[in-house]
């Protein structure tokens, strides 16, 4: 089985960068399985509604920021890892950065995300 890690990660970033509720709902459904999960030091949720709520909360805390990949996607079997930064679109600063490990189903949708924060501003 050939896994398209880059495609799965691209859908992941599309979801994280969706701001409008309907676009976010569609992007989360395209990226995650129905019972997919997301876990990082600040959140642990399961299902599309929970994932969309976490993404919405981040956009409320960091308006005008976008998630961008940082480095290459690395994968084997049904697992991939990649770095990311949360970038201010006005000045290019990236106060938040980390890396995620995702587990995919047979169709390339995310079953689970394990997120790690490498750089976080003091107020988070």
N, C-alpha and C. Protein backbone atom coordinates (compact mmCIF):
# COMPACT_ATOMS: atom_id res chain seq x y z
N UNK A 1 0.84 -1.18 0.00
CA UNK A 1 0.00 0.00 0.00
C UNK A 1 0.89 1.25 0.00
N UNK A 2 0.61 2.14 -0.92
CA UNK A 2 1.35 3.40 -1.00
C UNK A 2 0.56 4.49 -0.28
N UNK A 3 1.19 5.15 0.65
CA UNK A 3 0.52 6.19 1.43
C UNK A 3 1.00 7.56 0.96
N UNK A 4 0.06 8.45 0.72
CA UNK A 4 0.39 9.81 0.31
C UNK A 4 0.45 10.69 1.57
N UNK A 5 1.59 10.68 2.23
CA UNK A 5 1.75 11.45 3.46
C UNK A 5 1.58 12.95 3.21
N UNK A 6 2.17 13.44 2.12
CA UNK A 6 2.10 14.87 1.82
C UNK A 6 0.66 15.32 1.60
N UNK A 7 -0.14 14.47 0.93
CA UNK A 7 -1.55 14.81 0.72
C UNK A 7 -2.32 14.88 2.02
N UNK A 8 -2.07 13.94 2.91
CA UNK A 8 -2.74 13.93 4.22
C UNK A 8 -2.35 15.17 5.01
N UNK A 9 -1.07 15.53 4.98
CA UNK A 9 -0.60 16.70 5.71
C UNK A 9 -1.15 17.98 5.09
N UNK A 10 -1.26 18.03 3.77
CA UNK A 10 -1.84 19.21 3.11
C UNK A 10 -3.29 19.40 3.55
N UNK A 11 -4.07 18.32 3.64
CA UNK A 11 -5.45 18.42 4.11
C UNK A 11 -5.50 18.87 5.57
N UNK A 12 -4.54 18.40 6.36
CA UNK A 12 -4.43 18.80 7.77
C UNK A 12 -4.23 20.32 7.88
N UNK A 13 -3.30 20.87 7.09
CA UNK A 13 -3.06 22.31 7.12
C UNK A 13 -4.26 23.08 6.58
N UNK A 14 -4.94 22.52 5.60
CA UNK A 14 -6.15 23.18 5.08
C UNK A 14 -7.18 23.32 6.19
N UNK A 15 -7.33 22.28 6.99
CA UNK A 15 -8.27 22.35 8.11
C UNK A 15 -7.82 23.39 9.14
N UNK A 16 -6.55 23.37 9.50
CA UNK A 16 -6.06 24.31 10.51
C UNK A 16 -6.11 25.76 10.04
N UNK A 17 -6.11 25.99 8.75
CA UNK A 17 -6.14 27.35 8.23
C UNK A 17 -7.53 27.80 7.81
N UNK A 18 -8.53 26.93 7.95
CA UNK A 18 -9.91 27.30 7.63
C UNK A 18 -10.47 28.16 8.76
N UNK A 19 -11.07 29.28 8.40
CA UNK A 19 -11.60 30.20 9.40
C UNK A 19 -13.13 30.21 9.38
N UNK A 20 -13.71 30.22 8.20
CA UNK A 20 -15.17 30.23 8.08
C UNK A 20 -15.73 28.89 8.54
N UNK A 21 -16.82 28.89 9.32
CA UNK A 21 -17.35 27.65 9.90
C UNK A 21 -17.62 26.53 8.89
N UNK A 22 -18.22 26.85 7.74
CA UNK A 22 -18.54 25.81 6.77
C UNK A 22 -17.27 25.25 6.13
N UNK A 23 -16.33 26.12 5.80
CA UNK A 23 -15.05 25.67 5.24
C UNK A 23 -14.31 24.81 6.25
N UNK A 24 -14.35 25.19 7.51
CA UNK A 24 -13.70 24.41 8.57
C UNK A 24 -14.35 23.04 8.70
N UNK A 25 -15.67 23.00 8.71
CA UNK A 25 -16.38 21.72 8.83
C UNK A 25 -15.98 20.78 7.69
N UNK A 26 -15.98 21.29 6.47
CA UNK A 26 -15.63 20.47 5.31
C UNK A 26 -14.17 20.02 5.35
N UNK A 27 -13.28 20.92 5.75
CA UNK A 27 -11.86 20.58 5.78
C UNK A 27 -11.56 19.54 6.86
N UNK A 28 -12.19 19.66 8.01
CA UNK A 28 -11.99 18.66 9.07
C UNK A 28 -12.52 17.31 8.62
N UNK A 29 -13.68 17.29 7.98
CA UNK A 29 -14.25 16.02 7.49
C UNK A 29 -13.37 15.39 6.42
N UNK A 30 -12.71 16.21 5.61
CA UNK A 30 -11.83 15.69 4.56
C UNK A 30 -10.53 15.15 5.14
N UNK A 31 -10.07 15.73 6.22
CA UNK A 31 -8.77 15.36 6.78
C UNK A 31 -8.85 14.22 7.79
N UNK A 32 -9.89 14.18 8.63
CA UNK A 32 -9.97 13.21 9.73
C UNK A 32 -11.06 12.17 9.50
N UNK A 33 -10.88 11.00 10.06
CA UNK A 33 -11.93 9.99 10.13
C UNK A 33 -13.01 10.52 11.08
N UNK A 34 -14.20 9.93 11.02
CA UNK A 34 -15.32 10.36 11.88
C UNK A 34 -14.93 10.39 13.35
N UNK A 35 -14.21 9.37 13.79
CA UNK A 35 -13.84 9.26 15.21
C UNK A 35 -12.39 9.68 15.45
N UNK A 36 -11.84 10.44 14.51
CA UNK A 36 -10.45 10.87 14.62
C UNK A 36 -10.21 11.70 15.86
N UNK A 37 -8.96 11.69 16.31
CA UNK A 37 -8.63 12.41 17.53
C UNK A 37 -7.49 13.39 17.33
N UNK A 38 -7.39 14.31 18.30
CA UNK A 38 -6.32 15.29 18.32
C UNK A 38 -5.89 15.46 19.77
N UNK A 39 -4.59 15.29 20.03
CA UNK A 39 -4.05 15.45 21.38
C UNK A 39 -2.77 16.27 21.31
N UNK A 40 -2.71 17.33 22.11
CA UNK A 40 -1.47 18.08 22.30
C UNK A 40 -1.43 18.49 23.77
N UNK A 41 -0.41 19.21 24.21
CA UNK A 41 -0.34 19.55 25.64
C UNK A 41 -1.52 20.38 26.16
N UNK A 42 -2.25 21.04 25.26
CA UNK A 42 -3.34 21.93 25.68
C UNK A 42 -4.73 21.39 25.38
N UNK A 43 -4.84 20.30 24.63
CA UNK A 43 -6.15 19.80 24.23
C UNK A 43 -6.13 18.30 24.00
N UNK A 44 -7.27 17.69 24.22
CA UNK A 44 -7.46 16.28 23.87
C UNK A 44 -8.93 16.12 23.49
N UNK A 45 -9.16 15.92 22.18
CA UNK A 45 -10.53 15.83 21.67
C UNK A 45 -10.65 14.67 20.69
N UNK A 46 -11.89 14.28 20.45
CA UNK A 46 -12.18 13.23 19.49
C UNK A 46 -13.43 13.63 18.71
N UNK A 47 -13.43 13.32 17.42
CA UNK A 47 -14.58 13.64 16.57
C UNK A 47 -14.44 14.99 15.90
N UNK A 48 -15.16 15.13 14.79
CA UNK A 48 -15.05 16.34 13.98
C UNK A 48 -15.42 17.61 14.75
N UNK A 49 -16.47 17.57 15.56
CA UNK A 49 -16.88 18.77 16.29
C UNK A 49 -15.82 19.22 17.28
N UNK A 50 -15.23 18.27 18.00
CA UNK A 50 -14.19 18.59 18.97
C UNK A 50 -12.95 19.16 18.30
N UNK A 51 -12.57 18.58 17.17
CA UNK A 51 -11.40 19.06 16.44
C UNK A 51 -11.65 20.47 15.91
N UNK A 52 -12.83 20.69 15.33
CA UNK A 52 -13.18 22.02 14.82
C UNK A 52 -13.20 23.05 15.95
N UNK A 53 -13.64 22.67 17.14
CA UNK A 53 -13.67 23.59 18.27
C UNK A 53 -12.26 23.99 18.69
N UNK A 54 -11.32 23.06 18.67
CA UNK A 54 -9.92 23.38 19.02
C UNK A 54 -9.35 24.34 17.98
N UNK A 55 -9.58 24.07 16.71
CA UNK A 55 -9.07 24.94 15.65
C UNK A 55 -9.67 26.34 15.78
N UNK A 56 -10.96 26.42 16.03
CA UNK A 56 -11.63 27.72 16.20
C UNK A 56 -11.03 28.48 17.37
N UNK A 57 -10.78 27.81 18.48
CA UNK A 57 -10.19 28.46 19.65
C UNK A 57 -8.81 29.02 19.36
N UNK A 58 -8.01 28.29 18.58
CA UNK A 58 -6.67 28.80 18.22
C UNK A 58 -6.80 30.05 17.37
N UNK A 59 -7.73 30.05 16.41
CA UNK A 59 -7.90 31.24 15.57
C UNK A 59 -8.42 32.43 16.38
N UNK A 60 -9.22 32.17 17.40
CA UNK A 60 -9.69 33.26 18.26
C UNK A 60 -8.53 33.83 19.08
N UNK A 61 -7.62 32.98 19.52
CA UNK A 61 -6.47 33.42 20.31
C UNK A 61 -5.40 34.09 19.44
N UNK A 62 -5.29 33.65 18.18
CA UNK A 62 -4.26 34.17 17.27
C UNK A 62 -4.90 34.64 15.96
N UNK A 63 -5.71 35.70 15.99
CA UNK A 63 -6.32 36.18 14.74
C UNK A 63 -5.24 36.70 13.79
N UNK A 64 -5.43 36.43 12.50
CA UNK A 64 -4.47 36.89 11.51
C UNK A 64 -3.23 36.02 11.39
N UNK A 65 -3.27 34.83 11.98
CA UNK A 65 -2.15 33.88 11.90
C UNK A 65 -2.55 32.69 11.04
N UNK A 66 -1.55 32.07 10.40
CA UNK A 66 -1.78 30.86 9.61
C UNK A 66 -0.76 29.80 9.99
N UNK A 67 -1.15 28.56 9.83
CA UNK A 67 -0.23 27.45 10.06
C UNK A 67 0.50 27.16 8.77
N UNK A 68 1.82 26.99 8.88
CA UNK A 68 2.64 26.66 7.72
C UNK A 68 3.54 25.49 8.06
N UNK A 69 3.75 24.60 7.07
CA UNK A 69 4.68 23.49 7.32
C UNK A 69 6.09 24.02 7.53
N UNK A 70 6.85 23.31 8.33
CA UNK A 70 8.25 23.67 8.59
C UNK A 70 9.07 22.40 8.40
N UNK A 71 9.79 22.34 7.30
CA UNK A 71 10.57 21.14 6.99
C UNK A 71 9.77 20.14 6.19
N UNK A 72 10.36 18.99 5.99
CA UNK A 72 9.77 17.94 5.16
C UNK A 72 8.86 17.03 5.98
N UNK A 73 7.95 16.38 5.26
CA UNK A 73 7.10 15.35 5.86
C UNK A 73 7.87 14.03 5.81
N UNK A 74 7.89 13.32 6.92
CA UNK A 74 8.57 12.02 7.01
C UNK A 74 7.54 10.98 7.40
N UNK A 75 7.51 9.86 6.69
CA UNK A 75 6.51 8.86 7.02
C UNK A 75 6.95 7.44 6.75
N UNK A 76 6.32 6.52 7.44
CA UNK A 76 6.46 5.10 7.18
C UNK A 76 5.19 4.40 7.66
N UNK A 77 4.88 3.28 7.06
CA UNK A 77 3.66 2.54 7.35
C UNK A 77 2.46 3.49 7.31
N UNK A 78 1.71 3.60 8.37
CA UNK A 78 0.55 4.51 8.39
C UNK A 78 0.80 5.72 9.29
N UNK A 79 2.07 6.07 9.49
CA UNK A 79 2.45 7.15 10.41
C UNK A 79 3.29 8.19 9.67
N UNK A 80 3.03 9.46 9.97
CA UNK A 80 3.85 10.55 9.41
C UNK A 80 4.12 11.57 10.50
N UNK A 81 5.23 12.29 10.33
CA UNK A 81 5.56 13.38 11.25
C UNK A 81 6.01 14.57 10.42
N UNK A 82 5.78 15.77 10.99
CA UNK A 82 6.11 17.00 10.29
C UNK A 82 6.13 18.15 11.28
N UNK A 83 6.93 19.16 10.94
CA UNK A 83 6.99 20.36 11.75
C UNK A 83 6.06 21.42 11.19
N UNK A 84 5.74 22.39 12.04
CA UNK A 84 4.86 23.48 11.64
C UNK A 84 5.18 24.73 12.45
N UNK A 85 4.73 25.86 11.91
CA UNK A 85 4.83 27.13 12.62
C UNK A 85 3.49 27.86 12.48
N UNK A 86 3.15 28.63 13.51
CA UNK A 86 1.99 29.51 13.46
C UNK A 86 2.52 30.91 13.17
N UNK A 87 2.23 31.40 11.95
CA UNK A 87 2.87 32.60 11.42
C UNK A 87 1.90 33.78 11.37
N UNK A 88 2.36 34.93 11.85
CA UNK A 88 1.61 36.18 11.77
C UNK A 88 1.70 36.66 10.32
N UNK A 89 0.55 36.78 9.66
CA UNK A 89 0.55 37.18 8.26
C UNK A 89 1.02 38.62 8.04
N UNK A 90 0.92 39.46 9.06
CA UNK A 90 1.34 40.86 8.92
C UNK A 90 2.85 41.03 8.96
N UNK A 91 3.51 40.41 9.95
CA UNK A 91 4.95 40.66 10.10
C UNK A 91 5.83 39.43 9.91
N UNK A 92 5.23 38.27 9.65
CA UNK A 92 6.01 37.07 9.39
C UNK A 92 6.58 36.39 10.63
N UNK A 93 6.31 36.94 11.81
CA UNK A 93 6.81 36.30 13.02
C UNK A 93 6.07 34.97 13.26
N UNK A 94 6.74 34.06 13.94
CA UNK A 94 6.16 32.74 14.21
C UNK A 94 6.35 32.42 15.70
N UNK A 95 5.46 32.94 16.55
CA UNK A 95 5.64 32.76 17.99
C UNK A 95 5.38 31.34 18.49
N UNK A 96 4.69 30.54 17.69
CA UNK A 96 4.37 29.17 18.10
C UNK A 96 4.89 28.22 17.02
N UNK A 97 5.53 27.14 17.46
CA UNK A 97 6.02 26.12 16.52
C UNK A 97 6.01 24.78 17.22
N UNK A 98 5.93 23.73 16.42
CA UNK A 98 5.96 22.40 16.99
C UNK A 98 6.07 21.34 15.92
N UNK A 99 5.79 20.11 16.31
CA UNK A 99 5.71 19.05 15.32
C UNK A 99 4.61 18.10 15.73
N UNK A 100 4.03 17.46 14.72
CA UNK A 100 2.92 16.54 14.95
C UNK A 100 3.26 15.19 14.36
N UNK A 101 2.70 14.17 14.97
CA UNK A 101 2.77 12.80 14.48
C UNK A 101 1.33 12.38 14.21
N UNK A 102 1.07 11.92 12.99
CA UNK A 102 -0.29 11.51 12.64
C UNK A 102 -0.32 10.04 12.27
N UNK A 103 -1.43 9.40 12.58
CA UNK A 103 -1.70 8.03 12.18
C UNK A 103 -2.85 8.08 11.18
N UNK A 104 -2.68 7.40 10.05
CA UNK A 104 -3.66 7.46 8.96
C UNK A 104 -4.42 6.15 8.82
N UNK A 105 -5.62 6.25 8.28
CA UNK A 105 -6.36 5.04 7.92
C UNK A 105 -5.95 4.62 6.51
N UNK A 106 -6.56 3.58 5.99
CA UNK A 106 -6.22 3.06 4.67
C UNK A 106 -6.53 3.99 3.52
N UNK A 107 -7.35 5.01 3.77
CA UNK A 107 -7.71 5.98 2.73
C UNK A 107 -6.95 7.30 2.87
N UNK A 108 -6.00 7.35 3.80
CA UNK A 108 -5.19 8.54 3.97
C UNK A 108 -5.82 9.61 4.85
N UNK A 109 -6.89 9.25 5.57
CA UNK A 109 -7.48 10.20 6.51
C UNK A 109 -6.88 9.99 7.89
N UNK A 110 -6.84 11.04 8.67
CA UNK A 110 -6.19 11.01 9.97
C UNK A 110 -7.07 10.30 11.00
N UNK A 111 -6.47 9.33 11.67
CA UNK A 111 -7.14 8.68 12.80
C UNK A 111 -6.75 9.34 14.11
N UNK A 112 -5.49 9.78 14.21
CA UNK A 112 -5.02 10.38 15.46
C UNK A 112 -3.88 11.35 15.17
N UNK A 113 -3.88 12.45 15.90
CA UNK A 113 -2.78 13.41 15.88
C UNK A 113 -2.20 13.49 17.28
N UNK A 114 -0.90 13.39 17.38
CA UNK A 114 -0.19 13.65 18.62
C UNK A 114 0.68 14.87 18.36
N UNK A 115 0.34 15.98 19.00
CA UNK A 115 1.03 17.24 18.75
C UNK A 115 1.98 17.61 19.87
N UNK A 116 3.10 18.20 19.51
CA UNK A 116 4.11 18.64 20.46
C UNK A 116 4.43 20.10 20.19
N UNK A 117 4.52 20.89 21.25
CA UNK A 117 4.81 22.31 21.13
C UNK A 117 6.28 22.55 21.47
N UNK A 118 7.01 23.11 20.51
CA UNK A 118 8.43 23.38 20.71
C UNK A 118 8.69 24.83 21.10
N UNK A 119 7.83 25.72 20.63
CA UNK A 119 7.99 27.15 20.93
C UNK A 119 6.59 27.71 21.20
N UNK A 120 6.43 28.31 22.39
CA UNK A 120 5.14 28.85 22.80
C UNK A 120 5.37 30.18 23.51
N UNK A 121 4.58 31.21 23.18
CA UNK A 121 4.73 32.48 23.91
C UNK A 121 4.31 32.30 25.38
N UNK A 122 4.83 33.12 26.27
CA UNK A 122 4.55 32.95 27.70
C UNK A 122 3.07 33.04 28.06
N UNK A 123 2.27 33.77 27.29
CA UNK A 123 0.87 33.97 27.66
C UNK A 123 -0.04 32.80 27.28
N UNK A 124 0.46 31.79 26.61
CA UNK A 124 -0.39 30.64 26.21
C UNK A 124 -0.56 29.70 27.37
